[in-house]
Amino acid sequence: MKLFFGILIILGLSFKTNAQTKLSTKDSINIFFDSLFSILKTDYLYKDIVNWTALESEIKVKINQYDDFKQA
């Protein structure tokens, strides 16, 4: 019985499992720009005269073409 549980534990630990998936570069770029826009919408000096929806959609289209954080 001990041998069975020992083998079961070893097999259980040998399988590769991920609790969370790793973020890709595009995910981290999107998270960064989402937080940046969130801050700009509340604290930017000219926040009332900026068309945020048009600006955000334009920026998101442009940053999605880059694979590297530095390029974006």
PDB file of N, CA and C in Angstrom:
ATOM      1  N   MET A   1       0.820  -1.183   0.000  1.00  0.00           N
ATOM      2  CA  MET A   1       0.000   0.000   0.000  1.00  0.00           C
ATOM      3  C   MET A   1       0.873   1.259   0.000  1.00  0.00           C
ATOM      4  N   LYS A   2       1.952   1.228   0.804  1.00  0.00           N
ATOM      5  CA  LYS A   2       2.856   2.372   0.832  1.00  0.00           C
ATOM      6  C   LYS A   2       3.527   2.558  -0.527  1.00  0.00           C
ATOM      7  N   LEU A   3       3.854   1.445  -1.157  1.00  0.00           N
ATOM      8  CA  LEU A   3       4.487   1.495  -2.467  1.00  0.00           C
ATOM      9  C   LEU A   3       3.540   2.116  -3.495  1.00  0.00           C
ATOM     10  N   PHE A   4       2.264   1.754  -3.420  1.00  0.00           N
ATOM     11  CA  PHE A   4       1.262   2.299  -4.337  1.00  0.00           C
ATOM     12  C   PHE A   4       1.148   3.816  -4.173  1.00  0.00           C
ATOM     13  N   PHE A   5       1.048   4.286  -2.939  1.00  0.00           N
ATOM     14  CA  PHE A   5       0.953   5.718  -2.697  1.00  0.00           C
ATOM     15  C   PHE A   5       2.241   6.446  -3.072  1.00  0.00           C
ATOM     16  N   GLY A   6       3.373   5.806  -2.853  1.00  0.00           N
ATOM     17  CA  GLY A   6       4.655   6.385  -3.242  1.00  0.00           C
ATOM     18  C   GLY A   6       4.745   6.573  -4.743  1.00  0.00           C
ATOM     19  N   ILE A   7       4.338   5.557  -5.486  1.00  0.00           N
ATOM     20  CA  ILE A   7       4.345   5.643  -6.951  1.00  0.00           C
ATOM     21  C   ILE A   7       3.332   6.695  -7.416  1.00  0.00           C
ATOM     22  N   LEU A   8       2.190   6.731  -6.781  1.00  0.00           N
ATOM     23  CA  LEU A   8       1.167   7.707  -7.133  1.00  0.00           C
ATOM     24  C   LEU A   8       1.653   9.140  -6.895  1.00  0.00           C
ATOM     25  N   ILE A   9       2.340   9.375  -5.814  1.00  0.00           N
ATOM     26  CA  ILE A   9       2.881  10.704  -5.517  1.00  0.00           C
ATOM     27  C   ILE A   9       3.968  11.077  -6.518  1.00  0.00           C
ATOM     28  N   ILE A  10       4.866  10.142  -6.820  1.00  0.00           N
ATOM     29  CA  ILE A  10       5.936  10.409  -7.784  1.00  0.00           C
ATOM     30  C   ILE A  10       5.354  10.702  -9.159  1.00  0.00           C
ATOM     31  N   LEU A  11       4.364   9.941  -9.586  1.00  0.00           N
ATOM     32  CA  LEU A  11       3.727  10.202 -10.875  1.00  0.00           C
ATOM     33  C   LEU A  11       3.001  11.547 -10.871  1.00  0.00           C
ATOM     34  N   GLY A  12       2.363  11.865  -9.778  1.00  0.00           N
ATOM     35  CA  GLY A  12       1.660  13.141  -9.672  1.00  0.00           C
ATOM     36  C   GLY A  12       2.601  14.325  -9.743  1.00  0.00           C
ATOM     37  N   LEU A  13       3.767  14.200  -9.158  1.00  0.00           N
ATOM     38  CA  LEU A  13       4.737  15.290  -9.180  1.00  0.00           C
ATOM     39  C   LEU A  13       5.516  15.368 -10.487  1.00  0.00           C
ATOM     40  N   SER A  14       5.507  14.298 -11.252  1.00  0.00           N
ATOM     41  CA  SER A  14       6.295  14.295 -12.474  1.00  0.00           C
ATOM     42  C   SER A  14       5.584  14.969 -13.645  1.00  0.00           C
ATOM     43  N   PHE A  15       4.274  15.109 -13.570  1.00  0.00           N
ATOM     44  CA  PHE A  15       3.545  15.777 -14.644  1.00  0.00           C
ATOM     45  C   PHE A  15       3.727  17.277 -14.536  1.00  0.00           C
ATOM     46  N   LYS A  16       3.927  17.888 -15.684  1.00  0.00           N
ATOM     47  CA  LYS A  16       4.104  19.339 -15.717  1.00  0.00           C
ATOM     48  C   LYS A  16       2.728  19.995 -15.664  1.00  0.00           C
ATOM     49  N   THR A  17       2.511  20.779 -14.652  1.00  0.00           N
ATOM     50  CA  THR A  17       1.252  21.506 -14.530  1.00  0.00           C
ATOM     51  C   THR A  17       1.553  22.973 -14.301  1.00  0.00           C
ATOM     52  N   ASN A  18       0.705  23.803 -14.840  1.00  0.00           N
ATOM     53  CA  ASN A  18       0.852  25.246 -14.663  1.00  0.00           C
ATOM     54  C   ASN A  18      -0.389  25.772 -13.962  1.00  0.00           C
ATOM     55  N   ALA A  19      -0.177  26.440 -12.856  1.00  0.00           N
ATOM     56  CA  ALA A  19      -1.296  27.046 -12.167  1.00  0.00           C
ATOM     57  C   ALA A  19      -1.803  28.256 -12.946  1.00  0.00           C
ATOM     58  N   GLN A  20      -0.887  28.962 -13.533  1.00  0.00           N
ATOM     59  CA  GLN A  20      -1.240  30.118 -14.346  1.00  0.00           C
ATOM     60  C   GLN A  20      -0.392  30.067 -15.612  1.00  0.00           C
ATOM     61  N   THR A  21      -0.968  30.546 -16.672  1.00  0.00           N
ATOM     62  CA  THR A  21      -0.199  30.595 -17.903  1.00  0.00           C
ATOM     63  C   THR A  21       0.674  31.834 -17.902  1.00  0.00           C
ATOM     64  N   LYS A  22       1.771  31.739 -18.586  1.00  0.00           N
ATOM     65  CA  LYS A  22       2.674  32.879 -18.656  1.00  0.00           C
ATOM     66  C   LYS A  22       2.102  33.933 -19.583  1.00  0.00           C
ATOM     67  N   LEU A  23       2.341  35.179 -19.242  1.00  0.00           N
ATOM     68  CA  LEU A  23       1.894  36.271 -20.088  1.00  0.00           C
ATOM     69  C   LEU A  23       2.822  36.398 -21.283  1.00  0.00           C
ATOM     70  N   SER A  24       2.237  36.614 -22.429  1.00  0.00           N
ATOM     71  CA  SER A  24       3.060  36.861 -23.598  1.00  0.00           C
ATOM     72  C   SER A  24       3.449  38.332 -23.609  1.00  0.00           C
ATOM     73  N   THR A  25       4.317  38.686 -24.515  1.00  0.00           N
ATOM     74  CA  THR A  25       4.757  40.075 -24.625  1.00  0.00           C
ATOM     75  C   THR A  25       3.588  40.969 -25.004  1.00  0.00           C
ATOM     76  N   LYS A  26       2.727  40.489 -25.883  1.00  0.00           N
ATOM     77  CA  LYS A  26       1.564  41.284 -26.286  1.00  0.00           C
ATOM     78  C   LYS A  26       0.635  41.525 -25.104  1.00  0.00           C
ATOM     79  N   ASP A  27       0.495  40.547 -24.222  1.00  0.00           N
ATOM     80  CA  ASP A  27      -0.343  40.733 -23.043  1.00  0.00           C
ATOM     81  C   ASP A  27       0.222  41.818 -22.137  1.00  0.00           C
ATOM     82  N   SER A  28       1.535  41.789 -21.927  1.00  0.00           N
ATOM     83  CA  SER A  28       2.126  42.795 -21.049  1.00  0.00           C
ATOM     84  C   SER A  28       2.084  44.180 -21.676  1.00  0.00           C
ATOM     85  N   ILE A  29       2.190  44.261 -23.000  1.00  0.00           N
ATOM     86  CA  ILE A  29       2.068  45.548 -23.684  1.00  0.00           C
ATOM     87  C   ILE A  29       0.655  46.094 -23.497  1.00  0.00           C
ATOM     88  N   ASN A  30      -0.351  45.243 -23.677  1.00  0.00           N
ATOM     89  CA  ASN A  30      -1.737  45.676 -23.513  1.00  0.00           C
ATOM     90  C   ASN A  30      -2.034  46.087 -22.076  1.00  0.00           C
ATOM     91  N   ILE A  31      -1.519  45.362 -21.118  1.00  0.00           N
ATOM     92  CA  ILE A  31      -1.725  45.716 -19.716  1.00  0.00           C
ATOM     93  C   ILE A  31      -1.091  47.062 -19.408  1.00  0.00           C
ATOM     94  N   PHE A  32       0.116  47.287 -19.926  1.00  0.00           N
ATOM     95  CA  PHE A  32       0.795  48.552 -19.700  1.00  0.00           C
ATOM     96  C   PHE A  32       0.005  49.717 -20.283  1.00  0.00           C
ATOM     97  N   PHE A  33      -0.424  49.590 -21.544  1.00  0.00           N
ATOM     98  CA  PHE A  33      -1.138  50.694 -22.176  1.00  0.00           C
ATOM     99  C   PHE A  33      -2.529  50.903 -21.571  1.00  0.00           C
ATOM    100  N   ASP A  34      -3.167  49.838 -21.110  1.00  0.00           N
ATOM    101  CA  ASP A  34      -4.452  50.005 -20.430  1.00  0.00           C
ATOM    102  C   ASP A  34      -4.292  50.799 -19.143  1.00  0.00           C
ATOM    103  N   SER A  35      -3.260  50.484 -18.380  1.00  0.00           N
ATOM    104  CA  SER A  35      -3.031  51.231 -17.138  1.00  0.00           C
ATOM    105  C   SER A  35      -2.582  52.661 -17.428  1.00  0.00           C
ATOM    106  N   LEU A  36      -1.808  52.844 -18.495  1.00  0.00           N
ATOM    107  CA  LEU A  36      -1.381  54.187 -18.880  1.00  0.00           C
ATOM    108  C   LEU A  36      -2.587  55.051 -19.248  1.00  0.00           C
ATOM    109  N   PHE A  37      -3.488  54.512 -20.057  1.00  0.00           N
ATOM    110  CA  PHE A  37      -4.679  55.272 -20.432  1.00  0.00           C
ATOM    111  C   PHE A  37      -5.580  55.538 -19.233  1.00  0.00           C
ATOM    112  N   SER A  38      -5.646  54.596 -18.343  1.00  0.00           N
ATOM    113  CA  SER A  38      -6.448  54.798 -17.137  1.00  0.00           C
ATOM    114  C   SER A  38      -5.926  55.989 -16.330  1.00  0.00           C
ATOM    115  N   ILE A  39      -4.622  56.077 -16.190  1.00  0.00           N
ATOM    116  CA  ILE A  39      -4.016  57.186 -15.449  1.00  0.00           C
ATOM    117  C   ILE A  39      -4.172  58.496 -16.212  1.00  0.00           C
ATOM    118  N   LEU A  40      -3.949  58.454 -17.513  1.00  0.00           N
ATOM    119  CA  LEU A  40      -4.058  59.676 -18.313  1.00  0.00           C
ATOM    120  C   LEU A  40      -5.487  60.231 -18.305  1.00  0.00           C
ATOM    121  N   LYS A  41      -6.489  59.362 -18.337  1.00  0.00           N
ATOM    122  CA  LYS A  41      -7.874  59.815 -18.353  1.00  0.00           C
ATOM    123  C   LYS A  41      -8.251  60.575 -17.087  1.00  0.00           C
ATOM    124  N   THR A  42      -7.590  60.268 -15.994  1.00  0.00           N
ATOM    125  CA  THR A  42      -7.928  60.946 -14.743  1.00  0.00           C
ATOM    126  C   THR A  42      -6.990  62.094 -14.407  1.00  0.00           C
ATOM    127  N   ASP A  43      -5.728  62.016 -14.811  1.00  0.00           N
ATOM    128  CA  ASP A  43      -4.743  62.992 -14.342  1.00  0.00           C
ATOM    129  C   ASP A  43      -4.157  63.895 -15.422  1.00  0.00           C
ATOM    130  N   TYR A  44      -4.477  63.669 -16.680  1.00  0.00           N
ATOM    131  CA  TYR A  44      -3.897  64.471 -17.757  1.00  0.00           C
ATOM    132  C   TYR A  44      -4.492  65.878 -17.726  1.00  0.00           C
ATOM    133  N   LEU A  45      -3.664  66.873 -17.960  1.00  0.00           N
ATOM    134  CA  LEU A  45      -4.084  68.263 -17.881  1.00  0.00           C
ATOM    135  C   LEU A  45      -5.187  68.583 -18.891  1.00  0.00           C
ATOM    136  N   TYR A  46      -5.073  68.046 -20.101  1.00  0.00           N
ATOM    137  CA  TYR A  46      -6.052  68.312 -21.154  1.00  0.00           C
ATOM    138  C   TYR A  46      -7.004  67.130 -21.347  1.00  0.00           C
ATOM    139  N   LYS A  47      -7.348  66.458 -20.275  1.00  0.00           N
ATOM    140  CA  LYS A  47      -8.160  65.248 -20.366  1.00  0.00           C
ATOM    141  C   LYS A  47      -9.562  65.501 -20.919  1.00  0.00           C
ATOM    142  N   ASP A  48     -10.064  66.718 -20.762  1.00  0.00           N
ATOM    143  CA  ASP A  48     -11.432  66.999 -21.201  1.00  0.00           C
ATOM    144  C   ASP A  48     -11.535  67.256 -22.705  1.00  0.00           C
ATOM    145  N   ILE A  49     -10.439  67.583 -23.364  1.00  0.00           N
ATOM    146  CA  ILE A  49     -10.510  67.889 -24.791  1.00  0.00           C
ATOM    147  C   ILE A  49      -9.946  66.766 -25.664  1.00  0.00           C
ATOM    148  N   VAL A  50      -9.545  65.677 -25.067  1.00  0.00           N
ATOM    149  CA  VAL A  50      -9.002  64.541 -25.823  1.00  0.00           C
ATOM    150  C   VAL A  50     -10.133  63.557 -26.118  1.00  0.00           C
ATOM    151  N   ASN A  51     -10.179  63.072 -27.351  1.00  0.00           N
ATOM    152  CA  ASN A  51     -11.128  62.028 -27.726  1.00  0.00           C
ATOM    153  C   ASN A  51     -10.495  60.684 -27.363  1.00  0.00           C
ATOM    154  N   TRP A  52     -10.777  60.191 -26.168  1.00  0.00           N
ATOM    155  CA  TRP A  52     -10.099  59.006 -25.637  1.00  0.00           C
ATOM    156  C   TRP A  52     -10.437  57.746 -26.416  1.00  0.00           C
ATOM    157  N   THR A  53     -11.672  57.610 -26.863  1.00  0.00           N
ATOM    158  CA  THR A  53     -12.040  56.377 -27.575  1.00  0.00           C
ATOM    159  C   THR A  53     -11.298  56.268 -28.894  1.00  0.00           C
ATOM    160  N   ALA A  54     -11.200  57.364 -29.633  1.00  0.00           N
ATOM    161  CA  ALA A  54     -10.477  57.336 -30.907  1.00  0.00           C
ATOM    162  C   ALA A  54      -8.985  57.122 -30.681  1.00  0.00           C
ATOM    163  N   LEU A  55      -8.434  57.786 -29.684  1.00  0.00           N
ATOM    164  CA  LEU A  55      -7.005  57.664 -29.398  1.00  0.00           C
ATOM    165  C   LEU A  55      -6.643  56.249 -28.958  1.00  0.00           C
ATOM    166  N   GLU A  56      -7.455  55.678 -28.071  1.00  0.00           N
ATOM    167  CA  GLU A  56      -7.179  54.317 -27.597  1.00  0.00           C
ATOM    168  C   GLU A  56      -7.261  53.301 -28.728  1.00  0.00           C
ATOM    169  N   SER A  57      -8.281  53.415 -29.561  1.00  0.00           N
ATOM    170  CA  SER A  57      -8.411  52.443 -30.651  1.00  0.00           C
ATOM    171  C   SER A  57      -7.262  52.587 -31.644  1.00  0.00           C
ATOM    172  N   GLU A  58      -6.834  53.805 -31.916  1.00  0.00           N
ATOM    173  CA  GLU A  58      -5.714  54.023 -32.839  1.00  0.00           C
ATOM    174  C   GLU A  58      -4.408  53.466 -32.275  1.00  0.00           C
ATOM    175  N   ILE A  59      -4.162  53.716 -31.001  1.00  0.00           N
ATOM    176  CA  ILE A  59      -2.940  53.220 -30.356  1.00  0.00           C
ATOM    177  C   ILE A  59      -2.945  51.695 -30.293  1.00  0.00           C
ATOM    178  N   LYS A  60      -4.078  51.092 -29.962  1.00  0.00           N
ATOM    179  CA  LYS A  60      -4.139  49.629 -29.861  1.00  0.00           C
ATOM    180  C   LYS A  60      -3.886  48.966 -31.209  1.00  0.00           C
ATOM    181  N   VAL A  61      -4.374  49.575 -32.274  1.00  0.00           N
ATOM    182  CA  VAL A  61      -4.102  49.024 -33.607  1.00  0.00           C
ATOM    183  C   VAL A  61      -2.612  49.100 -33.900  1.00  0.00           C
ATOM    184  N   LYS A  62      -1.992  50.207 -33.536  1.00  0.00           N
ATOM    185  CA  LYS A  62      -0.559  50.380 -33.827  1.00  0.00           C
ATOM    186  C   LYS A  62       0.313  49.466 -32.971  1.00  0.00           C
ATOM    187  N   ILE A  63      -0.029  49.293 -31.702  1.00  0.00           N
ATOM    188  CA  ILE A  63       0.839  48.481 -30.842  1.00  0.00           C
ATOM    189  C   ILE A  63       0.676  46.991 -31.084  1.00  0.00           C
ATOM    190  N   ASN A  64      -0.440  46.577 -31.664  1.00  0.00           N
ATOM    191  CA  ASN A  64      -0.633  45.148 -31.926  1.00  0.00           C
ATOM    192  C   ASN A  64       0.268  44.626 -33.033  1.00  0.00           C
ATOM    193  N   GLN A  65       0.858  45.504 -33.808  1.00  0.00           N
ATOM    194  CA  GLN A  65       1.752  45.042 -34.863  1.00  0.00           C
ATOM    195  C   GLN A  65       3.157  44.751 -34.355  1.00  0.00           C
ATOM    196  N   TYR A  66       3.456  45.131 -33.131  1.00  0.00           N
ATOM    197  CA  TYR A  66       4.782  44.915 -32.573  1.00  0.00           C
ATOM    198  C   TYR A  66       4.797  43.689 -31.669  1.00  0.00           C
ATOM    199  N   ASP A  67       5.898  42.962 -31.704  1.00  0.00           N
ATOM    200  CA  ASP A  67       6.055  41.787 -30.844  1.00  0.00           C
ATOM    201  C   ASP A  67       6.937  42.059 -29.645  1.00  0.00           C
ATOM    202  N   ASP A  68       7.628  43.179 -29.653  1.00  0.00           N
ATOM    203  CA  ASP A  68       8.578  43.496 -28.610  1.00  0.00           C
ATOM    204  C   ASP A  68       8.099  44.716 -27.829  1.00  0.00           C
ATOM    205  N   PHE A  69       8.298  44.702 -26.529  1.00  0.00           N
ATOM    206  CA  PHE A  69       7.849  45.804 -25.679  1.00  0.00           C
ATOM    207  C   PHE A  69       8.571  47.097 -26.016  1.00  0.00           C
ATOM    208  N   LYS A  70       9.859  47.032 -26.315  1.00  0.00           N
ATOM    209  CA  LYS A  70      10.624  48.239 -26.648  1.00  0.00           C
ATOM    210  C   LYS A  70      10.117  48.876 -27.923  1.00  0.00           C
ATOM    211  N   GLN A  71       9.788  48.094 -28.913  1.00  0.00           N
ATOM    212  CA  GLN A  71       9.300  48.630 -30.175  1.00  0.00           C
ATOM    213  C   GLN A  71       7.947  49.299 -30.000  1.00  0.00           C
ATOM    214  N   ALA A  72       7.106  48.728 -29.163  1.00  0.00           N
ATOM    215  CA  ALA A  72       5.771  49.279 -28.947  1.00  0.00           C
ATOM    216  C   ALA A  72       5.867  50.588 -28.214  1.00  0.00           C
TER     217      ALA A  72
END
